[in-house]
Amino acid sequence: MTKLTLKDVVERYRHQLMQVTGVAGVAAGVAKTNPQKPCIQVFVTTDQWPDGVSHQIEGYDVELVKTSGFRAR
């Protein structure tokens, strides 16, 4: 079985993650502690790890990024 690319995994789970209270966005990125390691970045408006967000999805680590939210211009 071939491992999905990070971009494919983000697209597969974006809708599900966006339904979680406190989640403002989801993106493919690199880990803060290791810029060589791809990860799923979940942008959150809360200080707690949201219920419904796993620490790892399909082999990719999930990293929370604190934000005050996003606004369309």
N, C-alpha and C. Protein backbone atom coordinates (compact mmCIF):
# COMPACT_ATOMS: atom_id res chain seq x y z
N MET A 1 0.85 -1.18 0.00
CA MET A 1 0.00 0.00 0.00
C MET A 1 0.89 1.24 0.00
N THR A 2 0.63 2.16 -0.90
CA THR A 2 1.40 3.38 -1.02
C THR A 2 0.90 4.42 -0.03
N LYS A 3 1.85 5.06 0.64
CA LYS A 3 1.50 6.12 1.58
C LYS A 3 1.04 7.35 0.79
N LEU A 4 -0.06 7.94 1.21
CA LEU A 4 -0.57 9.15 0.56
C LEU A 4 0.38 10.32 0.81
N THR A 5 0.41 11.24 -0.12
CA THR A 5 1.21 12.44 0.09
C THR A 5 0.58 13.28 1.18
N LEU A 6 1.37 14.15 1.77
CA LEU A 6 0.87 15.04 2.81
C LEU A 6 -0.30 15.87 2.28
N LYS A 7 -0.16 16.39 1.09
CA LYS A 7 -1.22 17.21 0.50
C LYS A 7 -2.52 16.40 0.36
N ASP A 8 -2.40 15.14 -0.07
CA ASP A 8 -3.58 14.28 -0.21
C ASP A 8 -4.25 14.03 1.14
N VAL A 9 -3.46 13.80 2.18
CA VAL A 9 -4.01 13.54 3.51
C VAL A 9 -4.70 14.80 4.04
N VAL A 10 -4.09 15.96 3.85
CA VAL A 10 -4.71 17.22 4.29
C VAL A 10 -6.06 17.40 3.61
N GLU A 11 -6.11 17.17 2.31
CA GLU A 11 -7.37 17.32 1.58
C GLU A 11 -8.41 16.30 2.04
N ARG A 12 -7.98 15.09 2.34
CA ARG A 12 -8.90 14.04 2.78
C ARG A 12 -9.54 14.38 4.13
N TYR A 13 -8.79 15.02 5.03
CA TYR A 13 -9.26 15.25 6.40
C TYR A 13 -9.66 16.68 6.69
N ARG A 14 -9.44 17.60 5.74
CA ARG A 14 -9.72 19.02 5.99
C ARG A 14 -11.14 19.26 6.48
N HIS A 15 -12.13 18.75 5.78
CA HIS A 15 -13.53 18.99 6.15
C HIS A 15 -13.81 18.46 7.56
N GLN A 16 -13.36 17.26 7.85
CA GLN A 16 -13.58 16.65 9.17
C GLN A 16 -12.93 17.51 10.26
N LEU A 17 -11.70 17.94 10.06
CA LEU A 17 -11.00 18.74 11.06
C LEU A 17 -11.66 20.11 11.25
N MET A 18 -12.15 20.69 10.16
CA MET A 18 -12.77 22.01 10.25
C MET A 18 -14.09 21.97 11.03
N GLN A 19 -14.66 20.80 11.24
CA GLN A 19 -15.89 20.66 12.02
C GLN A 19 -15.63 20.69 13.52
N VAL A 20 -14.37 20.56 13.92
CA VAL A 20 -14.00 20.51 15.34
C VAL A 20 -14.00 21.93 15.92
N THR A 21 -14.65 22.11 17.05
CA THR A 21 -14.70 23.40 17.71
C THR A 21 -13.29 23.88 18.03
N GLY A 22 -12.99 25.12 17.65
CA GLY A 22 -11.68 25.70 17.92
C GLY A 22 -10.71 25.61 16.75
N VAL A 23 -11.06 24.84 15.72
CA VAL A 23 -10.18 24.72 14.55
C VAL A 23 -10.56 25.80 13.54
N ALA A 24 -9.55 26.59 13.13
CA ALA A 24 -9.78 27.70 12.20
C ALA A 24 -9.20 27.43 10.81
N GLY A 25 -8.33 26.42 10.71
CA GLY A 25 -7.73 26.13 9.41
C GLY A 25 -6.87 24.88 9.48
N VAL A 26 -6.55 24.35 8.30
CA VAL A 26 -5.73 23.14 8.19
C VAL A 26 -4.81 23.33 6.99
N ALA A 27 -3.53 22.96 7.13
CA ALA A 27 -2.58 23.13 6.04
C ALA A 27 -1.48 22.08 6.11
N ALA A 28 -0.84 21.86 4.98
CA ALA A 28 0.37 21.04 4.92
C ALA A 28 1.52 21.96 5.30
N GLY A 29 2.42 21.47 6.13
CA GLY A 29 3.55 22.30 6.54
C GLY A 29 4.72 21.45 6.97
N VAL A 30 5.64 22.08 7.67
CA VAL A 30 6.79 21.38 8.23
C VAL A 30 6.82 21.62 9.73
N ALA A 31 7.36 20.66 10.44
CA ALA A 31 7.39 20.73 11.90
C ALA A 31 8.28 21.89 12.37
N LYS A 32 7.85 22.57 13.41
CA LYS A 32 8.64 23.67 13.99
C LYS A 32 9.98 23.17 14.50
N THR A 33 9.98 21.98 15.08
CA THR A 33 11.20 21.44 15.67
C THR A 33 12.12 20.75 14.66
N ASN A 34 11.58 20.42 13.48
CA ASN A 34 12.37 19.75 12.45
C ASN A 34 11.87 20.17 11.07
N PRO A 35 12.46 21.22 10.49
CA PRO A 35 11.98 21.74 9.20
C PRO A 35 12.10 20.74 8.04
N GLN A 36 12.73 19.61 8.27
CA GLN A 36 12.83 18.58 7.25
C GLN A 36 11.67 17.59 7.31
N LYS A 37 10.85 17.71 8.37
CA LYS A 37 9.78 16.73 8.59
C LYS A 37 8.42 17.35 8.25
N PRO A 38 7.73 16.81 7.24
CA PRO A 38 6.40 17.32 6.90
C PRO A 38 5.39 17.00 8.01
N CYS A 39 4.43 17.89 8.20
CA CYS A 39 3.39 17.64 9.20
C CYS A 39 2.10 18.32 8.75
N ILE A 40 1.03 17.97 9.43
CA ILE A 40 -0.27 18.61 9.22
C ILE A 40 -0.39 19.71 10.26
N GLN A 41 -0.55 20.93 9.80
CA GLN A 41 -0.72 22.05 10.72
C GLN A 41 -2.20 22.32 10.88
N VAL A 42 -2.64 22.33 12.14
CA VAL A 42 -4.03 22.63 12.45
C VAL A 42 -4.03 23.95 13.22
N PHE A 43 -4.64 24.97 12.62
CA PHE A 43 -4.70 26.29 13.22
C PHE A 43 -5.88 26.33 14.18
N VAL A 44 -5.59 26.69 15.44
CA VAL A 44 -6.61 26.64 16.48
C VAL A 44 -6.72 27.98 17.20
N THR A 45 -7.91 28.23 17.73
CA THR A 45 -8.16 29.46 18.48
C THR A 45 -8.23 29.19 19.98
N THR A 46 -7.86 28.00 20.39
CA THR A 46 -7.92 27.59 21.78
C THR A 46 -6.53 27.23 22.29
N ASP A 47 -6.36 27.24 23.60
CA ASP A 47 -5.07 26.86 24.19
C ASP A 47 -4.97 25.36 24.43
N GLN A 48 -6.09 24.66 24.37
CA GLN A 48 -6.13 23.22 24.63
C GLN A 48 -6.10 22.45 23.31
N TRP A 49 -5.60 21.21 23.38
CA TRP A 49 -5.66 20.33 22.21
C TRP A 49 -7.13 19.97 22.00
N PRO A 50 -7.72 20.32 20.86
CA PRO A 50 -9.15 20.09 20.67
C PRO A 50 -9.52 18.61 20.61
N ASP A 51 -10.62 18.25 21.27
CA ASP A 51 -11.16 16.90 21.14
C ASP A 51 -11.53 16.71 19.67
N GLY A 52 -11.18 15.57 19.11
CA GLY A 52 -11.50 15.31 17.72
C GLY A 52 -10.33 15.56 16.78
N VAL A 53 -9.21 16.04 17.31
CA VAL A 53 -8.01 16.22 16.50
C VAL A 53 -6.96 15.22 17.00
N SER A 54 -6.59 14.30 16.14
CA SER A 54 -5.58 13.29 16.49
C SER A 54 -4.19 13.90 16.50
N HIS A 55 -3.28 13.26 17.18
CA HIS A 55 -1.88 13.72 17.21
C HIS A 55 -1.13 13.25 15.97
N GLN A 56 -1.70 12.27 15.29
CA GLN A 56 -1.10 11.76 14.05
C GLN A 56 -2.23 11.29 13.14
N ILE A 57 -2.10 11.59 11.85
CA ILE A 57 -3.10 11.18 10.86
C ILE A 57 -2.38 10.53 9.69
N GLU A 58 -2.70 9.28 9.45
CA GLU A 58 -2.13 8.50 8.34
C GLU A 58 -0.61 8.62 8.28
N GLY A 59 0.02 8.56 9.45
CA GLY A 59 1.48 8.55 9.52
C GLY A 59 2.13 9.93 9.60
N TYR A 60 1.34 10.98 9.47
CA TYR A 60 1.88 12.35 9.56
C TYR A 60 1.55 12.93 10.93
N ASP A 61 2.55 13.55 11.56
CA ASP A 61 2.32 14.22 12.83
C ASP A 61 1.42 15.43 12.62
N VAL A 62 0.62 15.73 13.64
CA VAL A 62 -0.24 16.91 13.63
C VAL A 62 0.37 17.92 14.59
N GLU A 63 0.49 19.15 14.12
CA GLU A 63 1.04 20.23 14.94
C GLU A 63 0.00 21.34 15.05
N LEU A 64 -0.25 21.79 16.28
CA LEU A 64 -1.19 22.89 16.47
C LEU A 64 -0.48 24.22 16.29
N VAL A 65 -1.16 25.15 15.64
CA VAL A 65 -0.64 26.50 15.47
C VAL A 65 -1.71 27.44 16.02
N LYS A 66 -1.37 28.16 17.07
CA LYS A 66 -2.31 29.08 17.72
C LYS A 66 -2.54 30.29 16.82
N THR A 67 -3.80 30.66 16.66
CA THR A 67 -4.17 31.81 15.83
C THR A 67 -5.36 32.52 16.47
N SER A 68 -5.53 33.78 16.12
CA SER A 68 -6.71 34.50 16.61
C SER A 68 -7.86 34.37 15.61
N GLY A 69 -7.62 33.60 14.53
CA GLY A 69 -8.64 33.39 13.52
C GLY A 69 -8.21 34.01 12.20
N PHE A 70 -9.04 33.81 11.20
CA PHE A 70 -8.75 34.32 9.86
C PHE A 70 -9.90 35.18 9.41
N ARG A 71 -9.59 36.13 8.56
CA ARG A 71 -10.62 37.03 8.05
C ARG A 71 -10.39 37.23 6.57
N ALA A 72 -11.43 37.08 5.78
CA ALA A 72 -11.32 37.30 4.33
C ALA A 72 -11.24 38.78 4.04
N ARG A 73 -10.47 39.12 3.05
CA ARG A 73 -10.35 40.53 2.66
C ARG A 73 -11.04 40.77 1.37
